[in-house]
């Protein structure tokens, strides 16, 4: 059998065809698994956890309107969320915010400890602590698990320094501020 300028045997041609088919199937399978990992179109955050109050996505609301709507859904107060967070993490509460995390209503309670800031996720429906992001975990998330960008280097479009949590902050209670 002759392919171009090369004379190859029938067995070699069959082997090359089999290799091409195998690679094509593998590439298709990989593309399918990546595509189906997030088919909902939502920005799913990790770690994922389930809260007791499911939130319907409504992008037509302003930030203030969304904050008011979420506040009406919360079954516990920011003070109760603080108390729940402090039962799991010793420190001083710096900020409390009501957020939509993966479609569930949670309070994000930032607690300053001797080892850094911990972000404690508290279910806004029942007051249970759902997750604690320790300071080291938050730093790794903010850099995407990669090395820190050089301090003077400009950020590329879509990049940010600091917290990864891009959810709308609906209510903030600063320590020493409104209570």
C-alpha atoms as a PDB file:
ATOM      1  CA  UNK A   1       0.000   0.000   0.000  1.00  0.00           C
ATOM      2  CA  UNK A   2       1.346   3.442  -0.854  1.00  0.00           C
ATOM      3  CA  UNK A   3       0.421   6.563   1.110  1.00  0.00           C
ATOM      4  CA  UNK A   4       1.905   9.650  -0.451  1.00  0.00           C
ATOM      5  CA  UNK A   5       5.537   8.915  -1.107  1.00  0.00           C
ATOM      6  CA  UNK A   6       5.723   6.125   1.489  1.00  0.00           C
ATOM      7  CA  UNK A   7       5.214   2.441   0.918  1.00  0.00           C
ATOM      8  CA  UNK A   8       3.650   0.872   3.997  1.00  0.00           C
ATOM      9  CA  UNK A   9       2.215  -2.514   4.645  1.00  0.00           C
ATOM     10  CA  UNK A  10      -1.465  -3.252   5.136  1.00  0.00           C
ATOM     11  CA  UNK A  11      -0.853  -4.163   8.804  1.00  0.00           C
ATOM     12  CA  UNK A  12       0.816  -0.808   9.491  1.00  0.00           C
ATOM     13  CA  UNK A  13      -2.046   1.051   7.790  1.00  0.00           C
ATOM     14  CA  UNK A  14      -4.611  -0.873   9.879  1.00  0.00           C
ATOM     15  CA  UNK A  15      -2.617  -0.142  13.049  1.00  0.00           C
ATOM     16  CA  UNK A  16      -2.492   3.584  12.241  1.00  0.00           C
ATOM     17  CA  UNK A  17      -6.236   3.644  11.557  1.00  0.00           C
ATOM     18  CA  UNK A  18      -6.936   1.884  14.865  1.00  0.00           C
ATOM     19  CA  UNK A  19      -4.715   4.368  16.717  1.00  0.00           C
ATOM     20  CA  UNK A  20      -6.503   7.341  15.151  1.00  0.00           C
ATOM     21  CA  UNK A  21      -9.918   5.914  16.035  1.00  0.00           C
ATOM     22  CA  UNK A  22      -8.809   5.207  19.632  1.00  0.00           C
ATOM     23  CA  UNK A  23      -7.455   8.736  20.104  1.00  0.00           C
ATOM     24  CA  UNK A  24     -10.630  10.220  18.640  1.00  0.00           C
ATOM     25  CA  UNK A  25     -12.844   8.223  21.006  1.00  0.00           C
ATOM     26  CA  UNK A  26     -10.665   9.204  23.979  1.00  0.00           C
ATOM     27  CA  UNK A  27     -10.776  12.885  23.064  1.00  0.00           C
ATOM     28  CA  UNK A  28     -14.562  12.748  22.631  1.00  0.00           C
ATOM     29  CA  UNK A  29     -15.008  11.007  25.992  1.00  0.00           C
ATOM     30  CA  UNK A  30     -12.844  13.575  27.736  1.00  0.00           C
ATOM     31  CA  UNK A  31     -14.680  16.496  26.139  1.00  0.00           C
ATOM     32  CA  UNK A  32     -18.023  14.989  27.104  1.00  0.00           C
ATOM     33  CA  UNK A  33     -17.017  14.471  30.745  1.00  0.00           C
ATOM     34  CA  UNK A  34     -15.693  18.023  31.026  1.00  0.00           C
ATOM     35  CA  UNK A  35     -18.820  19.449  29.416  1.00  0.00           C
ATOM     36  CA  UNK A  36     -21.176  17.499  31.673  1.00  0.00           C
ATOM     37  CA  UNK A  37     -19.338  18.455  34.859  1.00  0.00           C
ATOM     38  CA  UNK A  38     -21.188  21.775  34.955  1.00  0.00           C
ATOM     39  CA  UNK A  39     -24.234  21.597  32.714  1.00  0.00           C
ATOM     40  CA  UNK A  40     -26.459  23.746  34.919  1.00  0.00           C
ATOM     41  CA  UNK A  41     -24.805  26.971  33.773  1.00  0.00           C
ATOM     42  CA  UNK A  42     -24.329  28.054  37.392  1.00  0.00           C
ATOM     43  CA  UNK A  43     -21.031  29.091  38.870  1.00  0.00           C
ATOM     44  CA  UNK A  44     -20.673  26.140  41.240  1.00  0.00           C
ATOM     45  CA  UNK A  45     -18.261  26.789  44.054  1.00  0.00           C
ATOM     46  CA  UNK A  46     -16.194  24.338  45.989  1.00  0.00           C
ATOM     47  CA  UNK A  47     -16.564  23.032  48.500  1.00  0.00           C
ATOM     48  CA  UNK A  48     -20.184  22.372  47.803  1.00  0.00           C
ATOM     49  CA  UNK A  49     -22.616  21.948  50.658  1.00  0.00           C
ATOM     50  CA  UNK A  50     -26.363  21.860  50.995  1.00  0.00           C
ATOM     51  CA  UNK A  51     -28.314  24.403  52.981  1.00  0.00           C
ATOM     52  CA  UNK A  52     -31.886  24.266  54.165  1.00  0.00           C
ATOM     53  CA  UNK A  53     -33.154  27.283  52.184  1.00  0.00           C
ATOM     54  CA  UNK A  54     -33.033  26.893  48.394  1.00  0.00           C
ATOM     55  CA  UNK A  55     -32.726  30.158  46.459  1.00  0.00           C
ATOM     56  CA  UNK A  56     -34.278  30.735  43.048  1.00  0.00           C
ATOM     57  CA  UNK A  57     -31.881  32.530  40.708  1.00  0.00           C
ATOM     58  CA  UNK A  58     -33.234  35.966  39.789  1.00  0.00           C
ATOM     59  CA  UNK A  59     -30.742  38.119  37.908  1.00  0.00           C
ATOM     60  CA  UNK A  60     -33.331  40.835  37.259  1.00  0.00           C
ATOM     61  CA  UNK A  61     -33.019  42.253  40.785  1.00  0.00           C
ATOM     62  CA  UNK A  62     -30.624  44.996  41.824  1.00  0.00           C
ATOM     63  CA  UNK A  63     -28.167  44.225  44.611  1.00  0.00           C
ATOM     64  CA  UNK A  64     -30.308  46.105  47.148  1.00  0.00           C
ATOM     65  CA  UNK A  65     -33.501  44.341  46.027  1.00  0.00           C
ATOM     66  CA  UNK A  66     -31.759  40.972  46.182  1.00  0.00           C
ATOM     67  CA  UNK A  67     -30.447  41.752  49.675  1.00  0.00           C
ATOM     68  CA  UNK A  68     -33.935  42.553  50.917  1.00  0.00           C
ATOM     69  CA  UNK A  69     -35.409  39.441  49.306  1.00  0.00           C
ATOM     70  CA  UNK A  70     -32.736  37.188  50.817  1.00  0.00           C
ATOM     71  CA  UNK A  71     -33.117  38.798  54.250  1.00  0.00           C
ATOM     72  CA  UNK A  72     -36.828  37.951  54.212  1.00  0.00           C
ATOM     73  CA  UNK A  73     -35.972  34.282  53.564  1.00  0.00           C
ATOM     74  CA  UNK A  74     -33.462  33.960  56.419  1.00  0.00           C
ATOM     75  CA  UNK A  75     -34.835  32.184  59.478  1.00  0.00           C
ATOM     76  CA  UNK A  76     -31.976  33.203  61.800  1.00  0.00           C
ATOM     77  CA  UNK A  77     -30.492  36.629  62.540  1.00  0.00           C
ATOM     78  CA  UNK A  78     -26.926  37.747  61.878  1.00  0.00           C
ATOM     79  CA  UNK A  79     -26.352  37.613  65.649  1.00  0.00           C
ATOM     80  CA  UNK A  80     -27.424  33.948  65.739  1.00  0.00           C
ATOM     81  CA  UNK A  81     -25.084  33.234  62.805  1.00  0.00           C
ATOM     82  CA  UNK A  82     -22.233  34.897  64.737  1.00  0.00           C
ATOM     83  CA  UNK A  83     -22.967  32.755  67.785  1.00  0.00           C
ATOM     84  CA  UNK A  84     -23.034  29.568  65.702  1.00  0.00           C
ATOM     85  CA  UNK A  85     -19.715  30.450  64.056  1.00  0.00           C
ATOM     86  CA  UNK A  86     -18.070  31.246  67.377  1.00  0.00           C
ATOM     87  CA  UNK A  87     -19.053  27.825  68.754  1.00  0.00           C
ATOM     88  CA  UNK A  88     -16.804  26.262  66.086  1.00  0.00           C
ATOM     89  CA  UNK A  89     -14.033  28.875  65.743  1.00  0.00           C
ATOM     90  CA  UNK A  90     -12.513  30.876  68.594  1.00  0.00           C
ATOM     91  CA  UNK A  91     -11.823  34.468  67.630  1.00  0.00           C
ATOM     92  CA  UNK A  92     -13.404  37.809  66.870  1.00  0.00           C
ATOM     93  CA  UNK A  93     -16.136  38.259  64.277  1.00  0.00           C
ATOM     94  CA  UNK A  94     -15.029  40.760  61.647  1.00  0.00           C
ATOM     95  CA  UNK A  95     -17.916  40.579  59.179  1.00  0.00           C
ATOM     96  CA  UNK A  96     -21.248  38.817  58.673  1.00  0.00           C
ATOM     97  CA  UNK A  97     -22.885  38.714  55.256  1.00  0.00           C
ATOM     98  CA  UNK A  98     -25.926  36.953  53.873  1.00  0.00           C
ATOM     99  CA  UNK A  99     -25.103  35.195  50.595  1.00  0.00           C
ATOM    100  CA  UNK A 100     -26.348  32.874  47.902  1.00  0.00           C
ATOM    101  CA  UNK A 101     -23.864  29.971  47.860  1.00  0.00           C
ATOM    102  CA  UNK A 102     -24.527  27.352  45.175  1.00  0.00           C
ATOM    103  CA  UNK A 103     -28.225  28.162  45.266  1.00  0.00           C
ATOM    104  CA  UNK A 104     -28.573  28.026  49.071  1.00  0.00           C
ATOM    105  CA  UNK A 105     -28.951  30.877  51.552  1.00  0.00           C
ATOM    106  CA  UNK A 106     -26.048  31.031  53.998  1.00  0.00           C
ATOM    107  CA  UNK A 107     -24.380  33.520  56.286  1.00  0.00           C
ATOM    108  CA  UNK A 108     -20.687  34.008  55.683  1.00  0.00           C
ATOM    109  CA  UNK A 109     -19.148  34.846  59.044  1.00  0.00           C
ATOM    110  CA  UNK A 110     -15.525  35.987  58.932  1.00  0.00           C
ATOM    111  CA  UNK A 111     -13.744  35.234  62.196  1.00  0.00           C
ATOM    112  CA  UNK A 112     -10.291  36.641  62.935  1.00  0.00           C
ATOM    113  CA  UNK A 113      -8.080  34.122  64.739  1.00  0.00           C
ATOM    114  CA  UNK A 114      -4.406  34.061  65.664  1.00  0.00           C
ATOM    115  CA  UNK A 115      -3.741  32.081  62.460  1.00  0.00           C
ATOM    116  CA  UNK A 116      -5.696  34.382  60.119  1.00  0.00           C
ATOM    117  CA  UNK A 117      -9.269  34.917  58.936  1.00  0.00           C
ATOM    118  CA  UNK A 118     -11.627  31.925  58.850  1.00  0.00           C
ATOM    119  CA  UNK A 119     -14.786  32.109  56.748  1.00  0.00           C
ATOM    120  CA  UNK A 120     -17.514  30.138  58.500  1.00  0.00           C
ATOM    121  CA  UNK A 121     -20.566  29.247  56.395  1.00  0.00           C
ATOM    122  CA  UNK A 122     -23.712  29.080  58.539  1.00  0.00           C
ATOM    123  CA  UNK A 123     -27.058  27.820  57.210  1.00  0.00           C
ATOM    124  CA  UNK A 124     -29.461  30.790  57.278  1.00  0.00           C
ATOM    125  CA  UNK A 125     -32.379  28.426  57.872  1.00  0.00           C
ATOM    126  CA  UNK A 126     -31.309  26.359  60.858  1.00  0.00           C
ATOM    127  CA  UNK A 127     -28.062  27.905  62.146  1.00  0.00           C
ATOM    128  CA  UNK A 128     -25.894  24.845  61.482  1.00  0.00           C
ATOM    129  CA  UNK A 129     -22.265  25.407  60.515  1.00  0.00           C
ATOM    130  CA  UNK A 130     -21.910  24.007  56.989  1.00  0.00           C
ATOM    131  CA  UNK A 131     -18.221  24.625  56.314  1.00  0.00           C
ATOM    132  CA  UNK A 132     -15.159  26.417  57.656  1.00  0.00           C
ATOM    133  CA  UNK A 133     -12.634  27.904  55.224  1.00  0.00           C
ATOM    134  CA  UNK A 134      -9.438  28.247  57.203  1.00  0.00           C
ATOM    135  CA  UNK A 135      -7.038  31.067  56.322  1.00  0.00           C
ATOM    136  CA  UNK A 136      -4.665  28.765  54.379  1.00  0.00           C
ATOM    137  CA  UNK A 137      -7.526  27.303  52.310  1.00  0.00           C
ATOM    138  CA  UNK A 138      -8.767  30.774  51.399  1.00  0.00           C
ATOM    139  CA  UNK A 139      -5.293  31.879  50.272  1.00  0.00           C
ATOM    140  CA  UNK A 140      -4.968  28.797  48.047  1.00  0.00           C
ATOM    141  CA  UNK A 141      -8.436  29.426  46.574  1.00  0.00           C
ATOM    142  CA  UNK A 142      -7.702  33.102  45.902  1.00  0.00           C
ATOM    143  CA  UNK A 143      -4.702  32.173  43.757  1.00  0.00           C
ATOM    144  CA  UNK A 144      -6.514  29.264  42.156  1.00  0.00           C
ATOM    145  CA  UNK A 145      -4.051  26.864  43.795  1.00  0.00           C
ATOM    146  CA  UNK A 146      -1.226  28.446  41.770  1.00  0.00           C
ATOM    147  CA  UNK A 147       1.726  30.483  42.879  1.00  0.00           C
ATOM    148  CA  UNK A 148       0.979  34.039  44.014  1.00  0.00           C
ATOM    149  CA  UNK A 149       1.187  36.643  41.255  1.00  0.00           C
ATOM    150  CA  UNK A 150       4.025  39.087  41.525  1.00  0.00           C
ATOM    151  CA  UNK A 151       2.953  42.076  43.652  1.00  0.00           C
ATOM    152  CA  UNK A 152       3.623  44.645  40.896  1.00  0.00           C
ATOM    153  CA  UNK A 153       2.197  42.549  38.062  1.00  0.00           C
ATOM    154  CA  UNK A 154      -1.066  43.715  36.540  1.00  0.00           C
ATOM    155  CA  UNK A 155      -4.034  41.425  36.807  1.00  0.00           C
ATOM    156  CA  UNK A 156      -5.507  39.934  33.673  1.00  0.00           C
ATOM    157  CA  UNK A 157      -9.182  40.438  32.819  1.00  0.00           C
ATOM    158  CA  UNK A 158     -11.334  38.400  35.230  1.00  0.00           C
ATOM    159  CA  UNK A 159      -8.574  37.964  37.828  1.00  0.00           C
ATOM    160  CA  UNK A 160      -8.817  39.422  41.294  1.00  0.00           C
ATOM    161  CA  UNK A 161      -6.656  39.693  44.354  1.00  0.00           C
ATOM    162  CA  UNK A 162      -8.081  38.766  47.735  1.00  0.00           C
ATOM    163  CA  UNK A 163     -11.259  36.860  48.435  1.00  0.00           C
ATOM    164  CA  UNK A 164     -12.609  34.426  45.843  1.00  0.00           C
ATOM    165  CA  UNK A 165     -16.162  34.694  47.031  1.00  0.00           C
ATOM    166  CA  UNK A 166     -17.792  36.674  44.225  1.00  0.00           C
ATOM    167  CA  UNK A 167     -21.330  36.280  45.544  1.00  0.00           C
ATOM    168  CA  UNK A 168     -23.384  39.333  46.275  1.00  0.00           C
ATOM    169  CA  UNK A 169     -22.884  40.604  49.770  1.00  0.00           C
ATOM    170  CA  UNK A 170     -26.342  41.289  50.982  1.00  0.00           C
ATOM    171  CA  UNK A 171     -25.903  42.369  54.527  1.00  0.00           C
ATOM    172  CA  UNK A 172     -22.760  43.339  56.316  1.00  0.00           C
ATOM    173  CA  UNK A 173     -22.352  43.826  60.017  1.00  0.00           C
ATOM    174  CA  UNK A 174     -18.956  45.241  60.851  1.00  0.00           C
ATOM    175  CA  UNK A 175     -17.498  44.627  64.309  1.00  0.00           C
ATOM    176  CA  UNK A 176     -18.067  47.814  66.275  1.00  0.00           C
ATOM    177  CA  UNK A 177     -20.663  48.993  63.720  1.00  0.00           C
ATOM    178  CA  UNK A 178     -24.341  48.208  63.500  1.00  0.00           C
ATOM    179  CA  UNK A 179     -25.520  45.259  65.598  1.00  0.00           C
END
